[in-house]
Amino acid sequence: MATFPLTVKMVMIDLDGTLIDTVPDLAAAANHMLADLKRPAWDMTHYRAWIGNGVPRFVKRALTGEMQAEPDAKLNEQALALFSRHYAAAVSDLSRPYPGVVEALERLEAQGFSLACITNKAEAFTLPLLKNLDLYKYFQLVLSGDSLPKQKPDPLPLRHACEHFGIDSAHGVLVGDSSNDVQAARAAGMPVICVTYGYNHGHDIRQSLPDAVVDSLTDVPQYLRLYA
């Protein structure tokens, strides 16, 4: 486990479940999709457990009701197109930053940390969401799920961010909400801090053994010291 405070230059932050509560808009788009397909809607509890591996897997879960099942390929293609249209039209209608997020970003920025947003959400949804909720301005780098050939839990996005800012992995930290984030950070050789309130498929994030667990993003700065 890491020793605190961490001496870092860059703070990478996950989007869904860490920065923004996106379930309401994702659920609404998925239920619109299911209605178009003459299928019954799911409740919010299911959708909260299904978030975290990108839209294509999220749509498959909405179609099958299972975490890893594969629906009919033609149906899946049709469903993904329907979902994408509905979600793009209302990507930020109901989604909101979690309490303390803006305060934390302003504090980290003021303290001199480089900020990056690392998400598995497609860029077509990520950028409008961040911009519409006035969070985009805080990030010097945004990597979406389709920005690179691989996404979290692969370490590629984290390593790419380190290269972008000219630092080694020891001087970066990932802040997230899921086991995906912990796996990605471990594979990249960097520390990870997780929030308690996010989407971790219904599991307590402490079971994934991150270096620290916080109830609010405002608690993150106390674990960090700026690398000069």
C-alpha atoms as a PDB file:
ATOM      1  CA  MET A   1       0.000   0.000   0.000  1.00  0.00           C
ATOM      2  CA  ALA A   2       1.094   3.551  -0.696  1.00  0.00           C
ATOM      3  CA  THR A   3       2.507   5.928   1.876  1.00  0.00           C
ATOM      4  CA  PHE A   4       0.623   9.196   2.383  1.00  0.00           C
ATOM      5  CA  PRO A   5       0.753  11.942   1.447  1.00  0.00           C
ATOM      6  CA  LEU A   6       1.428  10.813  -2.113  1.00  0.00           C
ATOM      7  CA  THR A   7       3.929  12.972  -3.977  1.00  0.00           C
ATOM      8  CA  VAL A   8       2.305  13.355  -7.396  1.00  0.00           C
ATOM      9  CA  LYS A   9       2.088  15.795 -10.285  1.00  0.00           C
ATOM     10  CA  MET A  10      -0.983  14.481 -12.106  1.00  0.00           C
ATOM     11  CA  VAL A  11      -4.406  13.485 -10.798  1.00  0.00           C
ATOM     12  CA  MET A  12      -6.509  11.324 -13.133  1.00  0.00           C
ATOM     13  CA  ILE A  13     -10.218  11.132 -12.322  1.00  0.00           C
ATOM     14  CA  ASP A  14     -12.859   8.720 -13.591  1.00  0.00           C
ATOM     15  CA  LEU A  15     -16.153  10.167 -14.864  1.00  0.00           C
ATOM     16  CA  ASP A  16     -19.248   7.976 -14.311  1.00  0.00           C
ATOM     17  CA  GLY A  17     -19.724   7.323 -10.603  1.00  0.00           C
ATOM     18  CA  THR A  18     -16.787   9.493  -9.545  1.00  0.00           C
ATOM     19  CA  LEU A  19     -17.299  12.966 -11.007  1.00  0.00           C
ATOM     20  CA  ILE A  20     -20.885  12.711 -12.186  1.00  0.00           C
ATOM     21  CA  ASP A  21     -23.978  10.700 -11.275  1.00  0.00           C
ATOM     22  CA  THR A  22     -24.912   9.681 -14.821  1.00  0.00           C
ATOM     23  CA  VAL A  23     -27.341   6.865 -14.034  1.00  0.00           C
ATOM     24  CA  PRO A  24     -30.541   8.902 -14.549  1.00  0.00           C
ATOM     25  CA  ASP A  25     -29.742   9.773 -18.178  1.00  0.00           C
ATOM     26  CA  LEU A  26     -28.245   6.350 -18.970  1.00  0.00           C
ATOM     27  CA  ALA A  27     -31.308   4.625 -17.535  1.00  0.00           C
ATOM     28  CA  ALA A  28     -33.718   6.889 -19.389  1.00  0.00           C
ATOM     29  CA  ALA A  29     -31.927   6.296 -22.711  1.00  0.00           C
ATOM     30  CA  ALA A  30     -31.837   2.536 -22.120  1.00  0.00           C
ATOM     31  CA  ASN A  31     -35.527   2.401 -21.272  1.00  0.00           C
ATOM     32  CA  HIS A  32     -36.378   4.452 -24.366  1.00  0.00           C
ATOM     33  CA  MET A  33     -34.320   1.950 -26.352  1.00  0.00           C
ATOM     34  CA  LEU A  34     -36.162  -0.982 -24.791  1.00  0.00           C
ATOM     35  CA  ALA A  35     -39.523   0.664 -25.444  1.00  0.00           C
ATOM     36  CA  ASP A  36     -38.583   1.062 -29.115  1.00  0.00           C
ATOM     37  CA  LEU A  37     -37.836  -2.676 -29.164  1.00  0.00           C
ATOM     38  CA  LYS A  38     -41.112  -3.501 -27.394  1.00  0.00           C
ATOM     39  CA  ARG A  39     -39.236  -4.785 -24.351  1.00  0.00           C
ATOM     40  CA  PRO A  40     -39.956  -4.058 -20.661  1.00  0.00           C
ATOM     41  CA  ALA A  41     -38.009  -1.388 -18.803  1.00  0.00           C
ATOM     42  CA  TRP A  42     -35.522  -2.020 -15.983  1.00  0.00           C
ATOM     43  CA  ASP A  43     -35.386  -0.090 -12.716  1.00  0.00           C
ATOM     44  CA  MET A  44     -32.587   2.165 -11.513  1.00  0.00           C
ATOM     45  CA  THR A  45     -31.087  -0.513  -9.247  1.00  0.00           C
ATOM     46  CA  HIS A  46     -30.255  -2.708 -12.219  1.00  0.00           C
ATOM     47  CA  TYR A  47     -28.751   0.147 -14.188  1.00  0.00           C
ATOM     48  CA  ARG A  48     -26.525   1.223 -11.297  1.00  0.00           C
ATOM     49  CA  ALA A  49     -25.062  -2.282 -11.196  1.00  0.00           C
ATOM     50  CA  TRP A  50     -24.514  -2.384 -14.981  1.00  0.00           C
ATOM     51  CA  ILE A  51     -22.441   0.775 -15.456  1.00  0.00           C
ATOM     52  CA  GLY A  52     -18.672   0.768 -15.755  1.00  0.00           C
ATOM     53  CA  ASN A  53     -17.512  -1.114 -18.844  1.00  0.00           C
ATOM     54  CA  GLY A  54     -18.564   1.252 -21.616  1.00  0.00           C
ATOM     55  CA  VAL A  55     -21.818   1.756 -23.526  1.00  0.00           C
ATOM     56  CA  PRO A  56     -21.654  -1.395 -25.716  1.00  0.00           C
ATOM     57  CA  ARG A  57     -21.548  -3.681 -22.658  1.00  0.00           C
ATOM     58  CA  PHE A  58     -24.146  -1.537 -20.867  1.00  0.00           C
ATOM     59  CA  VAL A  59     -26.544  -2.012 -23.801  1.00  0.00           C
ATOM     60  CA  LYS A  60     -25.926  -5.771 -23.814  1.00  0.00           C
ATOM     61  CA  ARG A  61     -26.767  -5.905 -20.103  1.00  0.00           C
ATOM     62  CA  ALA A  62     -29.989  -3.974 -20.687  1.00  0.00           C
ATOM     63  CA  LEU A  63     -30.946  -6.419 -23.437  1.00  0.00           C
ATOM     64  CA  THR A  64     -30.112  -9.600 -21.536  1.00  0.00           C
ATOM     65  CA  GLY A  65     -30.408  -8.683 -17.865  1.00  0.00           C
ATOM     66  CA  GLU A  66     -27.010 -10.316 -17.289  1.00  0.00           C
ATOM     67  CA  MET A  67     -23.495  -8.960 -16.774  1.00  0.00           C
ATOM     68  CA  GLN A  68     -21.655 -10.893 -19.506  1.00  0.00           C
ATOM     69  CA  ALA A  69     -24.332 -12.448 -21.747  1.00  0.00           C
ATOM     70  CA  GLU A  70     -24.220 -11.894 -25.506  1.00  0.00           C
ATOM     71  CA  PRO A  71     -27.518 -10.958 -27.210  1.00  0.00           C
ATOM     72  CA  ASP A  72     -28.358 -11.697 -30.821  1.00  0.00           C
ATOM     73  CA  ALA A  73     -25.877  -9.758 -32.949  1.00  0.00           C
ATOM     74  CA  LYS A  74     -28.469  -8.091 -35.187  1.00  0.00           C
ATOM     75  CA  LEU A  75     -30.627  -7.110 -32.213  1.00  0.00           C
ATOM     76  CA  ASN A  76     -27.579  -5.753 -30.400  1.00  0.00           C
ATOM     77  CA  GLU A  77     -26.588  -3.627 -33.393  1.00  0.00           C
ATOM     78  CA  GLN A  78     -30.098  -2.189 -33.603  1.00  0.00           C
ATOM     79  CA  ALA A  79     -30.251  -1.576 -29.852  1.00  0.00           C
ATOM     80  CA  LEU A  80     -26.874   0.159 -29.720  1.00  0.00           C
ATOM     81  CA  ALA A  81     -27.911   2.576 -32.463  1.00  0.00           C
ATOM     82  CA  LEU A  82     -31.185   3.344 -30.690  1.00  0.00           C
ATOM     83  CA  PHE A  83     -29.491   3.854 -27.339  1.00  0.00           C
ATOM     84  CA  SER A  84     -26.818   6.092 -28.820  1.00  0.00           C
ATOM     85  CA  ARG A  85     -29.428   8.315 -30.439  1.00  0.00           C
ATOM     86  CA  HIS A  86     -31.493   8.640 -27.251  1.00  0.00           C
ATOM     87  CA  TYR A  87     -28.466   9.188 -25.010  1.00  0.00           C
ATOM     88  CA  ALA A  88     -26.823  11.755 -27.291  1.00  0.00           C
ATOM     89  CA  ALA A  89     -30.038  13.781 -27.273  1.00  0.00           C
ATOM     90  CA  ALA A  90     -30.174  13.946 -23.478  1.00  0.00           C
ATOM     91  CA  VAL A  91     -26.675  13.175 -22.198  1.00  0.00           C
ATOM     92  CA  SER A  92     -26.783  15.761 -19.409  1.00  0.00           C
ATOM     93  CA  ASP A  93     -30.498  16.385 -18.830  1.00  0.00           C
ATOM     94  CA  LEU A  94     -30.610  14.628 -15.457  1.00  0.00           C
ATOM     95  CA  SER A  95     -26.915  13.925 -14.718  1.00  0.00           C
ATOM     96  CA  ARG A  96     -25.222  16.088 -12.096  1.00  0.00           C
ATOM     97  CA  PRO A  97     -21.770  16.357 -10.472  1.00  0.00           C
ATOM     98  CA  TYR A  98     -21.639  14.708  -7.070  1.00  0.00           C
ATOM     99  CA  PRO A  99     -21.536  17.022  -4.029  1.00  0.00           C
ATOM    100  CA  GLY A 100     -18.042  18.412  -3.510  1.00  0.00           C
ATOM    101  CA  VAL A 101     -16.774  17.669  -7.029  1.00  0.00           C
ATOM    102  CA  VAL A 102     -16.453  21.268  -8.209  1.00  0.00           C
ATOM    103  CA  GLU A 103     -14.873  22.322  -4.909  1.00  0.00           C
ATOM    104  CA  ALA A 104     -12.348  19.477  -5.145  1.00  0.00           C
ATOM    105  CA  LEU A 105     -11.425  20.247  -8.761  1.00  0.00           C
ATOM    106  CA  GLU A 106     -10.920  23.913  -7.950  1.00  0.00           C
ATOM    107  CA  ARG A 107      -8.729  23.042  -4.975  1.00  0.00           C
ATOM    108  CA  LEU A 108      -6.598  20.562  -6.940  1.00  0.00           C
ATOM    109  CA  GLU A 109      -6.203  23.045  -9.781  1.00  0.00           C
ATOM    110  CA  ALA A 110      -5.244  25.842  -7.383  1.00  0.00           C
ATOM    111  CA  GLN A 111      -2.632  23.595  -5.750  1.00  0.00           C
ATOM    112  CA  GLY A 112      -0.944  23.072  -9.122  1.00  0.00           C
ATOM    113  CA  PHE A 113      -1.853  19.479  -9.975  1.00  0.00           C
ATOM    114  CA  SER A 114      -2.317  18.553 -13.639  1.00  0.00           C
ATOM    115  CA  LEU A 115      -5.806  17.119 -14.070  1.00  0.00           C
ATOM    116  CA  ALA A 116      -6.954  14.443 -16.507  1.00  0.00           C
ATOM    117  CA  CYS A 117     -10.319  12.747 -16.935  1.00  0.00           C
ATOM    118  CA  ILE A 118      -9.999   9.056 -17.843  1.00  0.00           C
ATOM    119  CA  THR A 119     -13.267   7.296 -18.729  1.00  0.00           C
ATOM    120  CA  ASN A 120     -14.559   4.297 -20.648  1.00  0.00           C
ATOM    121  CA  LYS A 121     -17.453   6.396 -21.971  1.00  0.00           C
ATOM    122  CA  ALA A 122     -17.258   7.153 -25.708  1.00  0.00           C
ATOM    123  CA  GLU A 123     -15.952  10.605 -26.647  1.00  0.00           C
ATOM    124  CA  ALA A 124     -19.239  11.483 -28.381  1.00  0.00           C
ATOM    125  CA  PHE A 125     -20.892  11.377 -24.949  1.00  0.00           C
ATOM    126  CA  THR A 126     -17.955  12.340 -22.715  1.00  0.00           C
ATOM    127  CA  LEU A 127     -17.161  15.758 -24.155  1.00  0.00           C
ATOM    128  CA  PRO A 128     -20.750  17.109 -24.303  1.00  0.00           C
ATOM    129  CA  LEU A 129     -21.400  15.840 -20.785  1.00  0.00           C
ATOM    130  CA  LEU A 130     -18.313  17.525 -19.315  1.00  0.00           C
ATOM    131  CA  LYS A 131     -18.935  20.732 -21.254  1.00  0.00           C
ATOM    132  CA  ASN A 132     -22.660  20.938 -20.486  1.00  0.00           C
ATOM    133  CA  LEU A 133     -21.999  20.537 -16.759  1.00  0.00           C
ATOM    134  CA  ASP A 134     -19.121  23.052 -16.873  1.00  0.00           C
ATOM    135  CA  LEU A 135     -16.432  20.558 -15.812  1.00  0.00           C
ATOM    136  CA  TYR A 136     -14.437  20.328 -19.037  1.00  0.00           C
ATOM    137  CA  LYS A 137     -12.491  23.497 -18.225  1.00  0.00           C
ATOM    138  CA  TYR A 138     -10.711  21.814 -15.306  1.00  0.00           C
ATOM    139  CA  PHE A 139      -9.021  19.097 -17.377  1.00  0.00           C
ATOM    140  CA  GLN A 140      -5.861  19.460 -19.423  1.00  0.00           C
ATOM    141  CA  LEU A 141      -6.436  16.001 -20.886  1.00  0.00           C
ATOM    142  CA  VAL A 142      -9.591  13.954 -21.473  1.00  0.00           C
ATOM    143  CA  LEU A 143      -9.257  10.314 -22.571  1.00  0.00           C
ATOM    144  CA  SER A 144     -12.485   8.555 -23.505  1.00  0.00           C
ATOM    145  CA  GLY A 145     -13.181   4.879 -24.045  1.00  0.00           C
ATOM    146  CA  ASP A 146     -12.523   5.172 -27.779  1.00  0.00           C
ATOM    147  CA  SER A 147      -9.562   7.571 -27.605  1.00  0.00           C
ATOM    148  CA  LEU A 148      -7.039   4.701 -27.556  1.00  0.00           C
ATOM    149  CA  PRO A 149      -7.012   1.049 -28.692  1.00  0.00           C
ATOM    150  CA  LYS A 150      -7.633  -0.163 -25.126  1.00  0.00           C
ATOM    151  CA  GLN A 151      -9.576   1.138 -22.122  1.00  0.00           C
ATOM    152  CA  LYS A 152      -9.588   0.524 -18.378  1.00  0.00           C
ATOM    153  CA  PRO A 153      -8.874  -1.935 -16.750  1.00  0.00           C
ATOM    154  CA  ASP A 154      -6.025  -2.009 -19.278  1.00  0.00           C
ATOM    155  CA  PRO A 155      -3.287   0.402 -18.105  1.00  0.00           C
ATOM    156  CA  LEU A 156      -2.853   1.990 -21.551  1.00  0.00           C
ATOM    157  CA  PRO A 157      -4.922   5.158 -20.859  1.00  0.00           C
ATOM    158  CA  LEU A 158      -3.049   5.770 -17.609  1.00  0.00           C
ATOM    159  CA  ARG A 159       0.349   5.280 -19.229  1.00  0.00           C
ATOM    160  CA  HIS A 160      -0.678   7.508 -22.116  1.00  0.00           C
ATOM    161  CA  ALA A 161      -1.629  10.267 -19.664  1.00  0.00           C
ATOM    162  CA  CYS A 162       1.745   9.950 -17.934  1.00  0.00           C
ATOM    163  CA  GLU A 163       3.518  10.302 -21.270  1.00  0.00           C
ATOM    164  CA  HIS A 164       1.339  13.291 -22.150  1.00  0.00           C
ATOM    165  CA  PHE A 165       2.418  15.129 -19.002  1.00  0.00           C
ATOM    166  CA  GLY A 166       6.002  13.870 -19.111  1.00  0.00           C
ATOM    167  CA  ILE A 167       5.954  12.054 -15.788  1.00  0.00           C
ATOM    168  CA  ASP A 168       6.562   8.496 -14.631  1.00  0.00           C
ATOM    169  CA  SER A 169       3.744   6.406 -13.195  1.00  0.00           C
ATOM    170  CA  ALA A 170       4.873   6.945  -9.606  1.00  0.00           C
ATOM    171  CA  HIS A 171       3.969  10.642  -9.908  1.00  0.00           C
ATOM    172  CA  GLY A 172       0.388  10.061 -11.028  1.00  0.00           C
ATOM    173  CA  VAL A 173      -2.657   8.937  -9.062  1.00  0.00           C
ATOM    174  CA  LEU A 174      -6.000   7.627 -10.274  1.00  0.00           C
ATOM    175  CA  VAL A 175      -9.220   8.532  -8.487  1.00  0.00           C
ATOM    176  CA  GLY A 176     -12.113   6.233  -9.346  1.00  0.00           C
ATOM    177  CA  ASP A 177     -15.041   4.233  -8.081  1.00  0.00           C
ATOM    178  CA  SER A 178     -14.636   0.677  -9.346  1.00  0.00           C
ATOM    179  CA  SER A 179     -12.489  -2.441  -9.429  1.00  0.00           C
ATOM    180  CA  ASN A 180     -11.715  -1.496 -13.054  1.00  0.00           C
ATOM    181  CA  ASP A 181      -9.946   1.604 -11.768  1.00  0.00           C
ATOM    182  CA  VAL A 182      -7.984  -0.344  -9.169  1.00  0.00           C
ATOM    183  CA  GLN A 183      -6.897  -2.937 -11.742  1.00  0.00           C
ATOM    184  CA  ALA A 184      -5.815  -0.258 -14.222  1.00  0.00           C
ATOM    185  CA  ALA A 185      -3.786   1.627 -11.602  1.00  0.00           C
ATOM    186  CA  ARG A 186      -2.101  -1.509 -10.314  1.00  0.00           C
ATOM    187  CA  ALA A 187      -1.184  -2.565 -13.855  1.00  0.00           C
ATOM    188  CA  ALA A 188       0.230   0.922 -14.527  1.00  0.00           C
ATOM    189  CA  GLY A 189       2.220   0.893 -11.289  1.00  0.00           C
ATOM    190  CA  MET A 190       0.534   3.860  -9.663  1.00  0.00           C
ATOM    191  CA  PRO A 191      -1.547   4.516  -6.549  1.00  0.00           C
ATOM    192  CA  VAL A 192      -5.341   4.648  -6.624  1.00  0.00           C
ATOM    193  CA  ILE A 193      -7.912   6.353  -4.415  1.00  0.00           C
ATOM    194  CA  CYS A 194     -11.554   5.293  -4.637  1.00  0.00           C
ATOM    195  CA  VAL A 195     -14.839   6.942  -3.665  1.00  0.00           C
ATOM    196  CA  THR A 196     -17.457   5.024  -1.705  1.00  0.00           C
ATOM    197  CA  TYR A 197     -20.505   6.290  -3.590  1.00  0.00           C
ATOM    198  CA  GLY A 198     -19.898   5.163  -7.171  1.00  0.00           C
ATOM    199  CA  TYR A 199     -20.828   2.298  -9.457  1.00  0.00           C
ATOM    200  CA  ASN A 200     -18.895  -0.865  -8.629  1.00  0.00           C
ATOM    201  CA  HIS A 201     -21.439  -3.446  -9.806  1.00  0.00           C
ATOM    202  CA  GLY A 202     -22.975  -3.494  -6.337  1.00  0.00           C
ATOM    203  CA  HIS A 203     -19.762  -4.431  -4.511  1.00  0.00           C
ATOM    204  CA  ASP A 204     -18.036  -2.533  -1.692  1.00  0.00           C
ATOM    205  CA  ILE A 205     -14.993  -0.871  -3.287  1.00  0.00           C
ATOM    206  CA  ARG A 206     -12.936  -1.664  -0.178  1.00  0.00           C
ATOM    207  CA  GLN A 207     -12.884  -5.295  -1.325  1.00  0.00           C
ATOM    208  CA  SER A 208     -10.701  -4.209  -4.265  1.00  0.00           C
ATOM    209  CA  LEU A 209      -8.048  -2.844  -1.867  1.00  0.00           C
ATOM    210  CA  PRO A 210      -7.395   0.648  -3.236  1.00  0.00           C
ATOM    211  CA  ASP A 211      -4.741   2.683  -1.427  1.00  0.00           C
ATOM    212  CA  ALA A 212      -7.365   4.926   0.157  1.00  0.00           C
ATOM    213  CA  VAL A 213     -11.152   5.231   0.236  1.00  0.00           C
ATOM    214  CA  VAL A 214     -12.960   8.582   0.534  1.00  0.00           C
ATOM    215  CA  ASP A 215     -16.597   9.575   0.949  1.00  0.00           C
ATOM    216  CA  SER A 216     -16.184  12.775  -1.046  1.00  0.00           C
ATOM    217  CA  LEU A 217     -13.812  14.074  -3.708  1.00  0.00           C
ATOM    218  CA  THR A 218     -13.099  16.966  -1.337  1.00  0.00           C
ATOM    219  CA  ASP A 219     -11.160  14.489   0.834  1.00  0.00           C
ATOM    220  CA  VAL A 220      -8.676  13.677  -1.952  1.00  0.00           C
ATOM    221  CA  PRO A 221      -6.333  16.717  -1.634  1.00  0.00           C
ATOM    222  CA  GLN A 222      -5.372  15.787   1.934  1.00  0.00           C
ATOM    223  CA  TYR A 223      -3.793  12.583   0.581  1.00  0.00           C
ATOM    224  CA  LEU A 224      -1.630  14.427  -1.956  1.00  0.00           C
ATOM    225  CA  ARG A 225       1.485  16.559  -2.060  1.00  0.00           C
ATOM    226  CA  LEU A 226       2.621  18.310  -5.244  1.00  0.00           C
ATOM    227  CA  TYR A 227       5.699  16.842  -6.902  1.00  0.00           C
ATOM    228  CA  ALA A 228       7.990  19.737  -7.739  1.00  0.00           C
END
